[in-house]
Amino acid sequence: MTPPESLFTPSLPLLLVSAVLLVLGLVAWSGRTRQVVLRAWPSPTLHLAPLYLGLAGLLTTLSPLVPGWLATVLLPLSMLPFAAGVLAVVWLPGFLQPRWLRDATSRKDLYDVRAR
């Protein structure tokens, strides 16, 4: 049986996966992959999902390292970026999108299958 202290140590694999997702999301947010993002199916916000999922993973994984009252706040707070990451697969509200994606003209025509 595992001692109770080991239940509260952060998982290194989950921490690494969350960090990789966060970096991939930041690359998409920066606009370096703009042409790929604008042509994504089912939505151009699909490539932003790793950013929010990585943030949720980091908050969840690192919450055991903070004092108890702060962990109690961090764990429910980590549900917000998780929900945004799941939602980003198909749609994101404008305030959660980077400016270059909000300002992109005729995004619908770029990923509309019927237009081809």
PDB file of N, CA and C in Angstrom:
ATOM      1  N   MET A   1       0.846  -1.173   0.000  1.00  0.00           N
ATOM      2  CA  MET A   1       0.000   0.000   0.000  1.00  0.00           C
ATOM      3  C   MET A   1       0.894   1.240   0.000  1.00  0.00           C
ATOM      4  N   THR A   2       0.503   2.227  -0.749  1.00  0.00           N
ATOM      5  CA  THR A   2       1.321   3.437  -0.852  1.00  0.00           C
ATOM      6  C   THR A   2       1.063   4.349   0.335  1.00  0.00           C
ATOM      7  N   PRO A   3       2.115   4.970   0.819  1.00  0.00           N
ATOM      8  CA  PRO A   3       1.912   5.915   1.926  1.00  0.00           C
ATOM      9  C   PRO A   3       1.146   7.143   1.447  1.00  0.00           C
ATOM     10  N   PRO A   4       0.391   7.791   2.324  1.00  0.00           N
ATOM     11  CA  PRO A   4      -0.415   8.954   1.924  1.00  0.00           C
ATOM     12  C   PRO A   4       0.406  10.096   1.345  1.00  0.00           C
ATOM     13  N   GLU A   5       1.675  10.226   1.749  1.00  0.00           N
ATOM     14  CA  GLU A   5       2.494  11.324   1.235  1.00  0.00           C
ATOM     15  C   GLU A   5       2.725  11.191  -0.265  1.00  0.00           C
ATOM     16  N   SER A   6       2.812   9.939  -0.754  1.00  0.00           N
ATOM     17  CA  SER A   6       3.083   9.750  -2.180  1.00  0.00           C
ATOM     18  C   SER A   6       1.878  10.107  -3.042  1.00  0.00           C
ATOM     19  N   LEU A   7       0.709  10.172  -2.442  1.00  0.00           N
ATOM     20  CA  LEU A   7      -0.480  10.544  -3.202  1.00  0.00           C
ATOM     21  C   LEU A   7      -0.475  12.019  -3.571  1.00  0.00           C
ATOM     22  N   PHE A   8       0.301  12.807  -2.866  1.00  0.00           N
ATOM     23  CA  PHE A   8       0.290  14.238  -3.083  1.00  0.00           C
ATOM     24  C   PHE A   8       1.534  14.749  -3.794  1.00  0.00           C
ATOM     25  N   THR A   9       2.330  13.859  -4.329  1.00  0.00           N
ATOM     26  CA  THR A   9       3.500  14.290  -5.097  1.00  0.00           C
ATOM     27  C   THR A   9       3.089  14.452  -6.547  1.00  0.00           C
ATOM     28  N   PRO A  10       3.610  15.447  -7.231  1.00  0.00           N
ATOM     29  CA  PRO A  10       3.216  15.657  -8.624  1.00  0.00           C
ATOM     30  C   PRO A  10       3.737  14.547  -9.525  1.00  0.00           C
ATOM     31  N   SER A  11       2.968  14.195 -10.501  1.00  0.00           N
ATOM     32  CA  SER A  11       3.335  13.157 -11.455  1.00  0.00           C
ATOM     33  C   SER A  11       4.239  13.760 -12.521  1.00  0.00           C
ATOM     34  N   LEU A  12       5.451  13.247 -12.640  1.00  0.00           N
ATOM     35  CA  LEU A  12       6.401  13.782 -13.609  1.00  0.00           C
ATOM     36  C   LEU A  12       5.940  13.579 -15.055  1.00  0.00           C
ATOM     37  N   PRO A  13       5.421  12.393 -15.443  1.00  0.00           N
ATOM     38  CA  PRO A  13       4.942  12.255 -16.833  1.00  0.00           C
ATOM     39  C   PRO A  13       3.806  13.220 -17.167  1.00  0.00           C
ATOM     40  N   LEU A  14       2.869  13.393 -16.241  1.00  0.00           N
ATOM     41  CA  LEU A  14       1.763  14.326 -16.489  1.00  0.00           C
ATOM     42  C   LEU A  14       2.265  15.761 -16.572  1.00  0.00           C
ATOM     43  N   LEU A  15       3.255  16.074 -15.767  1.00  0.00           N
ATOM     44  CA  LEU A  15       3.854  17.408 -15.802  1.00  0.00           C
ATOM     45  C   LEU A  15       4.545  17.657 -17.143  1.00  0.00           C
ATOM     46  N   LEU A  16       5.264  16.661 -17.644  1.00  0.00           N
ATOM     47  CA  LEU A  16       5.939  16.800 -18.939  1.00  0.00           C
ATOM     48  C   LEU A  16       4.945  16.905 -20.092  1.00  0.00           C
ATOM     49  N   VAL A  17       3.915  16.079 -20.080  1.00  0.00           N
ATOM     50  CA  VAL A  17       2.898  16.141 -21.138  1.00  0.00           C
ATOM     51  C   VAL A  17       2.193  17.493 -21.114  1.00  0.00           C
ATOM     52  N   SER A  18       1.883  17.988 -19.936  1.00  0.00           N
ATOM     53  CA  SER A  18       1.228  19.294 -19.819  1.00  0.00           C
ATOM     54  C   SER A  18       2.126  20.406 -20.334  1.00  0.00           C
ATOM     55  N   ALA A  19       3.422  20.325 -20.032  1.00  0.00           N
ATOM     56  CA  ALA A  19       4.358  21.346 -20.508  1.00  0.00           C
ATOM     57  C   ALA A  19       4.489  21.300 -22.024  1.00  0.00           C
ATOM     58  N   VAL A  20       4.527  20.102 -22.607  1.00  0.00           N
ATOM     59  CA  VAL A  20       4.614  19.977 -24.068  1.00  0.00           C
ATOM     60  C   VAL A  20       3.353  20.532 -24.715  1.00  0.00           C
ATOM     61  N   LEU A  21       2.185  20.207 -24.160  1.00  0.00           N
ATOM     62  CA  LEU A  21       0.933  20.748 -24.698  1.00  0.00           C
ATOM     63  C   LEU A  21       0.910  22.268 -24.613  1.00  0.00           C
ATOM     64  N   LEU A  22       1.392  22.796 -23.506  1.00  0.00           N
ATOM     65  CA  LEU A  22       1.425  24.247 -23.335  1.00  0.00           C
ATOM     66  C   LEU A  22       2.333  24.897 -24.372  1.00  0.00           C
ATOM     67  N   VAL A  23       3.486  24.313 -24.626  1.00  0.00           N
ATOM     68  CA  VAL A  23       4.414  24.865 -25.628  1.00  0.00           C
ATOM     69  C   VAL A  23       3.799  24.786 -27.019  1.00  0.00           C
ATOM     70  N   LEU A  24       3.177  23.656 -27.368  1.00  0.00           N
ATOM     71  CA  LEU A  24       2.528  23.539 -28.679  1.00  0.00           C
ATOM     72  C   LEU A  24       1.415  24.572 -28.838  1.00  0.00           C
ATOM     73  N   GLY A  25       0.653  24.787 -27.785  1.00  0.00           N
ATOM     74  CA  GLY A  25      -0.398  25.793 -27.832  1.00  0.00           C
ATOM     75  C   GLY A  25       0.147  27.200 -27.961  1.00  0.00           C
ATOM     76  N   LEU A  26       1.265  27.477 -27.293  1.00  0.00           N
ATOM     77  CA  LEU A  26       1.876  28.808 -27.403  1.00  0.00           C
ATOM     78  C   LEU A  26       2.429  29.052 -28.800  1.00  0.00           C
ATOM     79  N   VAL A  27       2.928  28.009 -29.452  1.00  0.00           N
ATOM     80  CA  VAL A  27       3.394  28.156 -30.840  1.00  0.00           C
ATOM     81  C   VAL A  27       2.214  28.505 -31.740  1.00  0.00           C
ATOM     82  N   ALA A  28       1.087  27.827 -31.555  1.00  0.00           N
ATOM     83  CA  ALA A  28      -0.102  28.145 -32.350  1.00  0.00           C
ATOM     84  C   ALA A  28      -0.613  29.541 -32.022  1.00  0.00           C
ATOM     85  N   TRP A  29      -0.576  29.929 -30.752  1.00  0.00           N
ATOM     86  CA  TRP A  29      -1.041  31.257 -30.339  1.00  0.00           C
ATOM     87  C   TRP A  29      -0.191  32.354 -30.960  1.00  0.00           C
ATOM     88  N   SER A  30       1.112  32.119 -31.086  1.00  0.00           N
ATOM     89  CA  SER A  30       2.024  33.149 -31.589  1.00  0.00           C
ATOM     90  C   SER A  30       1.797  33.457 -33.063  1.00  0.00           C
ATOM     91  N   GLY A  31       1.177  32.546 -33.799  1.00  0.00           N
ATOM     92  CA  GLY A  31       0.920  32.789 -35.214  1.00  0.00           C
ATOM     93  C   GLY A  31       1.971  32.197 -36.127  1.00  0.00           C
ATOM     94  N   ARG A  32       2.937  31.472 -35.589  1.00  0.00           N
ATOM     95  CA  ARG A  32       3.971  30.862 -36.429  1.00  0.00           C
ATOM     96  C   ARG A  32       3.374  29.832 -37.384  1.00  0.00           C
ATOM     97  N   THR A  33       2.315  29.185 -36.982  1.00  0.00           N
ATOM     98  CA  THR A  33       1.665  28.179 -37.823  1.00  0.00           C
ATOM     99  C   THR A  33       0.334  28.714 -38.361  1.00  0.00           C
ATOM    100  N   ARG A  34       0.312  29.977 -38.683  1.00  0.00           N
ATOM    101  CA  ARG A  34      -0.926  30.660 -39.071  1.00  0.00           C
ATOM    102  C   ARG A  34      -1.637  29.986 -40.246  1.00  0.00           C
ATOM    103  N   GLN A  35      -0.904  29.614 -41.284  1.00  0.00           N
ATOM    104  CA  GLN A  35      -1.543  29.015 -42.460  1.00  0.00           C
ATOM    105  C   GLN A  35      -2.167  27.661 -42.134  1.00  0.00           C
ATOM    106  N   VAL A  36      -1.528  26.895 -41.281  1.00  0.00           N
ATOM    107  CA  VAL A  36      -2.084  25.603 -40.875  1.00  0.00           C
ATOM    108  C   VAL A  36      -3.320  25.817 -40.009  1.00  0.00           C
ATOM    109  N   VAL A  37      -3.244  26.763 -39.107  1.00  0.00           N
ATOM    110  CA  VAL A  37      -4.356  27.027 -38.189  1.00  0.00           C
ATOM    111  C   VAL A  37      -5.582  27.501 -38.955  1.00  0.00           C
ATOM    112  N   LEU A  38      -5.403  28.366 -39.922  1.00  0.00           N
ATOM    113  CA  LEU A  38      -6.550  28.912 -40.655  1.00  0.00           C
ATOM    114  C   LEU A  38      -7.232  27.866 -41.530  1.00  0.00           C
ATOM    115  N   ARG A  39      -6.531  26.803 -41.880  1.00  0.00           N
ATOM    116  CA  ARG A  39      -7.124  25.759 -42.718  1.00  0.00           C
ATOM    117  C   ARG A  39      -7.562  24.536 -41.913  1.00  0.00           C
ATOM    118  N   ALA A  40      -7.549  24.618 -40.608  1.00  0.00           N
ATOM    119  CA  ALA A  40      -7.852  23.466 -39.757  1.00  0.00           C
ATOM    120  C   ALA A  40      -9.323  23.075 -39.857  1.00  0.00           C
ATOM    121  N   TRP A  41      -9.560  21.786 -39.727  1.00  0.00           N
ATOM    122  CA  TRP A  41     -10.913  21.273 -39.698  1.00  0.00           C
ATOM    123  C   TRP A  41     -11.116  20.576 -38.371  1.00  0.00           C
ATOM    124  N   PRO A  42     -12.141  20.725 -37.649  1.00  0.00           N
ATOM    125  CA  PRO A  42     -13.403  21.371 -37.942  1.00  0.00           C
ATOM    126  C   PRO A  42     -13.424  22.862 -37.648  1.00  0.00           C
ATOM    127  N   SER A  43     -12.369  23.393 -37.047  1.00  0.00           N
ATOM    128  CA  SER A  43     -12.368  24.802 -36.673  1.00  0.00           C
ATOM    129  C   SER A  43     -10.939  25.310 -36.601  1.00  0.00           C
ATOM    130  N   PRO A  44     -10.706  26.586 -36.905  1.00  0.00           N
ATOM    131  CA  PRO A  44      -9.353  27.125 -36.761  1.00  0.00           C
ATOM    132  C   PRO A  44      -8.892  27.216 -35.309  1.00  0.00           C
ATOM    133  N   THR A  45      -9.797  27.122 -34.375  1.00  0.00           N
ATOM    134  CA  THR A  45      -9.395  27.184 -32.969  1.00  0.00           C
ATOM    135  C   THR A  45      -8.929  25.829 -32.447  1.00  0.00           C
ATOM    136  N   LEU A  46      -8.977  24.800 -33.277  1.00  0.00           N
ATOM    137  CA  LEU A  46      -8.552  23.460 -32.873  1.00  0.00           C
ATOM    138  C   LEU A  46      -7.110  23.446 -32.378  1.00  0.00           C
ATOM    139  N   HIS A  47      -6.237  24.209 -32.998  1.00  0.00           N
ATOM    140  CA  HIS A  47      -4.823  24.212 -32.632  1.00  0.00           C
ATOM    141  C   HIS A  47      -4.544  24.997 -31.348  1.00  0.00           C
ATOM    142  N   LEU A  48      -5.545  25.676 -30.821  1.00  0.00           N
ATOM    143  CA  LEU A  48      -5.381  26.372 -29.546  1.00  0.00           C
ATOM    144  C   LEU A  48      -5.769  25.486 -28.362  1.00  0.00           C
ATOM    145  N   ALA A  49      -6.410  24.361 -28.628  1.00  0.00           N
ATOM    146  CA  ALA A  49      -6.826  23.457 -27.550  1.00  0.00           C
ATOM    147  C   ALA A  49      -5.653  22.990 -26.691  1.00  0.00           C
ATOM    148  N   PRO A  50      -4.487  22.637 -27.269  1.00  0.00           N
ATOM    149  CA  PRO A  50      -3.377  22.208 -26.401  1.00  0.00           C
ATOM    150  C   PRO A  50      -2.931  23.276 -25.405  1.00  0.00           C
ATOM    151  N   LEU A  51      -3.063  24.532 -25.764  1.00  0.00           N
ATOM    152  CA  LEU A  51      -2.688  25.607 -24.844  1.00  0.00           C
ATOM    153  C   LEU A  51      -3.520  25.535 -23.567  1.00  0.00           C
ATOM    154  N   TYR A  52      -4.818  25.446 -23.730  1.00  0.00           N
ATOM    155  CA  TYR A  52      -5.707  25.427 -22.574  1.00  0.00           C
ATOM    156  C   TYR A  52      -5.643  24.095 -21.825  1.00  0.00           C
ATOM    157  N   LEU A  53      -5.506  22.983 -22.557  1.00  0.00           N
ATOM    158  CA  LEU A  53      -5.393  21.687 -21.893  1.00  0.00           C
ATOM    159  C   LEU A  53      -4.075  21.569 -21.131  1.00  0.00           C
ATOM    160  N   GLY A  54      -2.997  22.116 -21.689  1.00  0.00           N
ATOM    161  CA  GLY A  54      -1.713  22.111 -20.987  1.00  0.00           C
ATOM    162  C   GLY A  54      -1.752  22.958 -19.731  1.00  0.00           C
ATOM    163  N   LEU A  55      -2.418  24.107 -19.809  1.00  0.00           N
ATOM    164  CA  LEU A  55      -2.559  24.962 -18.627  1.00  0.00           C
ATOM    165  C   LEU A  55      -3.359  24.250 -17.537  1.00  0.00           C
ATOM    166  N   ALA A  56      -4.433  23.577 -17.933  1.00  0.00           N
ATOM    167  CA  ALA A  56      -5.227  22.825 -16.954  1.00  0.00           C
ATOM    168  C   ALA A  56      -4.406  21.696 -16.344  1.00  0.00           C
ATOM    169  N   GLY A  57      -3.621  21.019 -17.161  1.00  0.00           N
ATOM    170  CA  GLY A  57      -2.778  19.942 -16.639  1.00  0.00           C
ATOM    171  C   GLY A  57      -1.723  20.444 -15.675  1.00  0.00           C
ATOM    172  N   LEU A  58      -1.118  21.583 -15.992  1.00  0.00           N
ATOM    173  CA  LEU A  58      -0.112  22.146 -15.087  1.00  0.00           C
ATOM    174  C   LEU A  58      -0.729  22.575 -13.759  1.00  0.00           C
ATOM    175  N   LEU A  59      -1.882  23.224 -13.824  1.00  0.00           N
ATOM    176  CA  LEU A  59      -2.545  23.642 -12.580  1.00  0.00           C
ATOM    177  C   LEU A  59      -2.919  22.436 -11.723  1.00  0.00           C
ATOM    178  N   THR A  60      -3.410  21.391 -12.366  1.00  0.00           N
ATOM    179  CA  THR A  60      -3.813  20.196 -11.628  1.00  0.00           C
ATOM    180  C   THR A  60      -2.608  19.470 -11.047  1.00  0.00           C
ATOM    181  N   THR A  61      -1.548  19.356 -11.840  1.00  0.00           N
ATOM    182  CA  THR A  61      -0.369  18.612 -11.397  1.00  0.00           C
ATOM    183  C   THR A  61       0.390  19.342 -10.296  1.00  0.00           C
ATOM    184  N   LEU A  62       0.454  20.650 -10.386  1.00  0.00           N
ATOM    185  CA  LEU A  62       1.225  21.411  -9.405  1.00  0.00           C
ATOM    186  C   LEU A  62       0.428  21.784  -8.153  1.00  0.00           C
ATOM    187  N   SER A  63      -0.864  21.534  -8.147  1.00  0.00           N
ATOM    188  CA  SER A  63      -1.673  21.918  -6.984  1.00  0.00           C
ATOM    189  C   SER A  63      -1.260  21.218  -5.683  1.00  0.00           C
ATOM    190  N   PRO A  64      -0.741  19.986  -5.695  1.00  0.00           N
ATOM    191  CA  PRO A  64      -0.307  19.403  -4.414  1.00  0.00           C
ATOM    192  C   PRO A  64       0.905  20.102  -3.792  1.00  0.00           C
ATOM    193  N   LEU A  65       1.615  20.907  -4.554  1.00  0.00           N
ATOM    194  CA  LEU A  65       2.807  21.563  -4.032  1.00  0.00           C
ATOM    195  C   LEU A  65       2.510  22.852  -3.280  1.00  0.00           C
ATOM    196  N   VAL A  66       1.297  23.341  -3.375  1.00  0.00           N
ATOM    197  CA  VAL A  66       0.938  24.597  -2.713  1.00  0.00           C
ATOM    198  C   VAL A  66       0.199  24.284  -1.414  1.00  0.00           C
ATOM    199  N   PRO A  67       0.054  25.258  -0.525  1.00  0.00           N
ATOM    200  CA  PRO A  67      -0.690  25.014   0.721  1.00  0.00           C
ATOM    201  C   PRO A  67      -2.122  24.548   0.449  1.00  0.00           C
ATOM    202  N   GLY A  68      -2.709  23.880   1.416  1.00  0.00           N
ATOM    203  CA  GLY A  68      -4.025  23.262   1.258  1.00  0.00           C
ATOM    204  C   GLY A  68      -5.119  24.193   0.789  1.00  0.00           C
ATOM    205  N   TRP A  69      -5.196  25.390   1.348  1.00  0.00           N
ATOM    206  CA  TRP A  69      -6.267  26.311   0.959  1.00  0.00           C
ATOM    207  C   TRP A  69      -6.103  26.771  -0.487  1.00  0.00           C
ATOM    208  N   LEU A  70      -4.850  26.940  -0.936  1.00  0.00           N
ATOM    209  CA  LEU A  70      -4.620  27.365  -2.316  1.00  0.00           C
ATOM    210  C   LEU A  70      -4.893  26.225  -3.292  1.00  0.00           C
ATOM    211  N   ALA A  71      -4.588  24.994  -2.891  1.00  0.00           N
ATOM    212  CA  ALA A  71      -4.904  23.836  -3.730  1.00  0.00           C
ATOM    213  C   ALA A  71      -6.410  23.684  -3.884  1.00  0.00           C
ATOM    214  N   THR A  72      -7.138  24.025  -2.838  1.00  0.00           N
ATOM    215  CA  THR A  72      -8.595  23.971  -2.896  1.00  0.00           C
ATOM    216  C   THR A  72      -9.135  24.973  -3.913  1.00  0.00           C
ATOM    217  N   VAL A  73      -8.432  26.056  -4.114  1.00  0.00           N
ATOM    218  CA  VAL A  73      -8.829  27.052  -5.108  1.00  0.00           C
ATOM    219  C   VAL A  73      -8.325  26.648  -6.498  1.00  0.00           C
ATOM    220  N   LEU A  74      -7.103  26.118  -6.577  1.00  0.00           N
ATOM    221  CA  LEU A  74      -6.502  25.788  -7.872  1.00  0.00           C
ATOM    222  C   LEU A  74      -7.205  24.648  -8.595  1.00  0.00           C
ATOM    223  N   LEU A  75      -7.610  23.625  -7.868  1.00  0.00           N
ATOM    224  CA  LEU A  75      -8.228  22.478  -8.532  1.00  0.00           C
ATOM    225  C   LEU A  75      -9.533  22.840  -9.240  1.00  0.00           C
ATOM    226  N   PRO A  76     -10.486  23.514  -8.587  1.00  0.00           N
ATOM    227  CA  PRO A  76     -11.677  23.925  -9.345  1.00  0.00           C
ATOM    228  C   PRO A  76     -11.346  24.951 -10.434  1.00  0.00           C
ATOM    229  N   LEU A  77     -10.338  25.794 -10.174  1.00  0.00           N
ATOM    230  CA  LEU A  77      -9.936  26.782 -11.171  1.00  0.00           C
ATOM    231  C   LEU A  77      -9.353  26.115 -12.412  1.00  0.00           C
ATOM    232  N   SER A  78      -8.742  24.953 -12.256  1.00  0.00           N
ATOM    233  CA  SER A  78      -8.168  24.251 -13.404  1.00  0.00           C
ATOM    234  C   SER A  78      -9.241  23.686 -14.324  1.00  0.00           C
ATOM    235  N   MET A  79     -10.475  23.634 -13.867  1.00  0.00           N
ATOM    236  CA  MET A  79     -11.563  23.166 -14.727  1.00  0.00           C
ATOM    237  C   MET A  79     -11.893  24.179 -15.821  1.00  0.00           C
ATOM    238  N   LEU A  80     -11.629  25.452 -15.580  1.00  0.00           N
ATOM    239  CA  LEU A  80     -11.926  26.480 -16.583  1.00  0.00           C
ATOM    240  C   LEU A  80     -11.064  26.330 -17.829  1.00  0.00           C
ATOM    241  N   PRO A  81      -9.719  26.243 -17.721  1.00  0.00           N
ATOM    242  CA  PRO A  81      -8.950  26.028 -18.949  1.00  0.00           C
ATOM    243  C   PRO A  81      -9.213  24.658 -19.571  1.00  0.00           C
ATOM    244  N   PHE A  82      -9.570  23.660 -18.764  1.00  0.00           N
ATOM    245  CA  PHE A  82      -9.906  22.357 -19.336  1.00  0.00           C
ATOM    246  C   PHE A  82     -11.157  22.467 -20.199  1.00  0.00           C
ATOM    247  N   ALA A  83     -12.174  23.152 -19.697  1.00  0.00           N
ATOM    248  CA  ALA A  83     -13.401  23.345 -20.473  1.00  0.00           C
ATOM    249  C   ALA A  83     -13.121  24.156 -21.731  1.00  0.00           C
ATOM    250  N   ALA A  84     -12.262  25.172 -21.631  1.00  0.00           N
ATOM    251  CA  ALA A  84     -11.903  25.962 -22.814  1.00  0.00           C
ATOM    252  C   ALA A  84     -11.144  25.109 -23.819  1.00  0.00           C
ATOM    253  N   GLY A  85     -10.303  24.197 -23.351  1.00  0.00           N
ATOM    254  CA  GLY A  85      -9.564  23.318 -24.258  1.00  0.00           C
ATOM    255  C   GLY A  85     -10.474  22.360 -24.998  1.00  0.00           C
ATOM    256  N   VAL A  86     -11.447  21.810 -24.306  1.00  0.00           N
ATOM    257  CA  VAL A  86     -12.404  20.913 -24.958  1.00  0.00           C
ATOM    258  C   VAL A  86     -13.273  21.705 -25.930  1.00  0.00           C
ATOM    259  N   LEU A  87     -13.684  22.888 -25.537  1.00  0.00           N
ATOM    260  CA  LEU A  87     -14.506  23.740 -26.388  1.00  0.00           C
ATOM    261  C   LEU A  87     -13.737  24.224 -27.614  1.00  0.00           C
ATOM    262  N   ALA A  88     -12.425  24.393 -27.483  1.00  0.00           N
ATOM    263  CA  ALA A  88     -11.610  24.915 -28.582  1.00  0.00           C
ATOM    264  C   ALA A  88     -11.553  23.973 -29.770  1.00  0.00           C
ATOM    265  N   VAL A  89     -11.933  22.730 -29.587  1.00  0.00           N
ATOM    266  CA  VAL A  89     -11.924  21.792 -30.707  1.00  0.00           C
ATOM    267  C   VAL A  89     -12.883  22.261 -31.793  1.00  0.00           C
ATOM    268  N   VAL A  90     -13.989  22.860 -31.416  1.00  0.00           N
ATOM    269  CA  VAL A  90     -14.966  23.303 -32.414  1.00  0.00           C
ATOM    270  C   VAL A  90     -15.190  24.810 -32.446  1.00  0.00           C
ATOM    271  N   TRP A  91     -14.992  25.501 -31.319  1.00  0.00           N
ATOM    272  CA  TRP A  91     -15.302  26.936 -31.276  1.00  0.00           C
ATOM    273  C   TRP A  91     -14.689  27.544 -30.029  1.00  0.00           C
ATOM    274  N   LEU A  92     -14.312  28.808 -30.124  1.00  0.00           N
ATOM    275  CA  LEU A  92     -13.853  29.566 -28.958  1.00  0.00           C
ATOM    276  C   LEU A  92     -14.423  30.969 -29.040  1.00  0.00           C
ATOM    277  N   PRO A  93     -14.821  31.550 -27.916  1.00  0.00           N
ATOM    278  CA  PRO A  93     -15.252  32.945 -27.959  1.00  0.00           C
ATOM    279  C   PRO A  93     -14.077  33.848 -28.320  1.00  0.00           C
ATOM    280  N   GLY A  94     -14.373  34.999 -28.856  1.00  0.00           N
ATOM    281  CA  GLY A  94     -13.339  35.900 -29.354  1.00  0.00           C
ATOM    282  C   GLY A  94     -12.288  36.290 -28.336  1.00  0.00           C
ATOM    283  N   PHE A  95     -12.677  36.474 -27.077  1.00  0.00           N
ATOM    284  CA  PHE A  95     -11.692  36.922 -26.089  1.00  0.00           C
ATOM    285  C   PHE A  95     -10.682  35.829 -25.723  1.00  0.00           C
ATOM    286  N   LEU A  96     -10.920  34.583 -26.118  1.00  0.00           N
ATOM    287  CA  LEU A  96      -9.963  33.501 -25.876  1.00  0.00           C
ATOM    288  C   LEU A  96      -9.113  33.191 -27.108  1.00  0.00           C
ATOM    289  N   GLN A  97      -9.292  33.960 -28.178  1.00  0.00           N
ATOM    290  CA  GLN A  97      -8.525  33.763 -29.406  1.00  0.00           C
ATOM    291  C   GLN A  97      -7.454  34.834 -29.518  1.00  0.00           C
ATOM    292  N   PRO A  98      -6.334  34.511 -30.176  1.00  0.00           N
ATOM    293  CA  PRO A  98      -5.322  35.550 -30.404  1.00  0.00           C
ATOM    294  C   PRO A  98      -5.846  36.591 -31.389  1.00  0.00           C
ATOM    295  N   ARG A  99      -5.299  37.779 -31.319  1.00  0.00           N
ATOM    296  CA  ARG A  99      -5.767  38.877 -32.164  1.00  0.00           C
ATOM    297  C   ARG A  99      -5.646  38.546 -33.651  1.00  0.00           C
ATOM    298  N   TRP A 100      -4.558  37.898 -34.049  1.00  0.00           N
ATOM    299  CA  TRP A 100      -4.380  37.606 -35.473  1.00  0.00           C
ATOM    300  C   TRP A 100      -5.458  36.653 -35.982  1.00  0.00           C
ATOM    301  N   LEU A 101      -5.967  35.781 -35.124  1.00  0.00           N
ATOM    302  CA  LEU A 101      -7.027  34.870 -35.543  1.00  0.00           C
ATOM    303  C   LEU A 101      -8.370  35.591 -35.599  1.00  0.00           C
ATOM    304  N   ARG A 102      -8.602  36.498 -34.668  1.00  0.00           N
ATOM    305  CA  ARG A 102      -9.845  37.284 -34.708  1.00  0.00           C
ATOM    306  C   ARG A 102      -9.881  38.186 -35.929  1.00  0.00           C
ATOM    307  N   ASP A 103      -8.710  38.722 -36.322  1.00  0.00           N
ATOM    308  CA  ASP A 103      -8.650  39.665 -37.433  1.00  0.00           C
ATOM    309  C   ASP A 103      -8.523  39.000 -38.793  1.00  0.00           C
ATOM    310  N   ALA A 104      -8.371  37.677 -38.831  1.00  0.00           N
ATOM    311  CA  ALA A 104      -8.217  36.987 -40.117  1.00  0.00           C
ATOM    312  C   ALA A 104      -9.490  37.172 -40.939  1.00  0.00           C
ATOM    313  N   THR A 105      -9.317  37.534 -42.197  1.00  0.00           N
ATOM    314  CA  THR A 105     -10.476  37.770 -43.065  1.00  0.00           C
ATOM    315  C   THR A 105     -10.867  36.485 -43.772  1.00  0.00           C
ATOM    316  N   SER A 106     -12.127  36.323 -43.946  1.00  0.00           N
ATOM    317  CA  SER A 106     -12.738  35.194 -44.662  1.00  0.00           C
ATOM    318  C   SER A 106     -12.191  33.851 -44.190  1.00  0.00           C
ATOM    319  N   ARG A 107     -12.205  33.647 -42.892  1.00  0.00           N
ATOM    320  CA  ARG A 107     -11.742  32.367 -42.353  1.00  0.00           C
ATOM    321  C   ARG A 107     -12.636  31.227 -42.807  1.00  0.00           C
ATOM    322  N   LYS A 108     -13.914  31.489 -42.925  1.00  0.00           N
ATOM    323  CA  LYS A 108     -14.842  30.420 -43.266  1.00  0.00           C
ATOM    324  C   LYS A 108     -14.526  29.828 -44.630  1.00  0.00           C
ATOM    325  N   ASP A 109     -14.144  30.670 -45.588  1.00  0.00           N
ATOM    326  CA  ASP A 109     -13.866  30.167 -46.925  1.00  0.00           C
ATOM    327  C   ASP A 109     -12.623  29.289 -46.963  1.00  0.00           C
ATOM    328  N   LEU A 110     -11.690  29.498 -46.041  1.00  0.00           N
ATOM    329  CA  LEU A 110     -10.448  28.732 -46.063  1.00  0.00           C
ATOM    330  C   LEU A 110     -10.637  27.286 -45.634  1.00  0.00           C
ATOM    331  N   TYR A 111     -11.594  27.014 -44.764  1.00  0.00           N
ATOM    332  CA  TYR A 111     -11.762  25.633 -44.322  1.00  0.00           C
ATOM    333  C   TYR A 111     -13.133  25.062 -44.680  1.00  0.00           C
ATOM    334  N   ASP A 112     -13.861  25.730 -45.546  1.00  0.00           N
ATOM    335  CA  ASP A 112     -15.152  25.227 -45.977  1.00  0.00           C
ATOM    336  C   ASP A 112     -14.942  24.168 -47.053  1.00  0.00           C
ATOM    337  N   VAL A 113     -15.349  22.943 -46.781  1.00  0.00           N
ATOM    338  CA  VAL A 113     -15.136  21.831 -47.706  1.00  0.00           C
ATOM    339  C   VAL A 113     -15.976  22.007 -48.966  1.00  0.00           C
ATOM    340  N   ARG A 114     -17.139  22.592 -48.842  1.00  0.00           N
ATOM    341  CA  ARG A 114     -18.020  22.745 -50.002  1.00  0.00           C
ATOM    342  C   ARG A 114     -17.469  23.718 -51.029  1.00  0.00           C
ATOM    343  N   ALA A 115     -16.552  24.595 -50.628  1.00  0.00           N
ATOM    344  CA  ALA A 115     -16.013  25.597 -51.550  1.00  0.00           C
ATOM    345  C   ALA A 115     -14.976  25.004 -52.499  1.00  0.00           C
ATOM    346  N   ARG A 116     -14.530  23.782 -52.253  1.00  0.00           N
ATOM    347  CA  ARG A 116     -13.483  23.180 -53.097  1.00  0.00           C
ATOM    348  C   ARG A 116     -14.040  22.393 -54.237  1.00  0.00           C
TER     349      ARG A 116
END
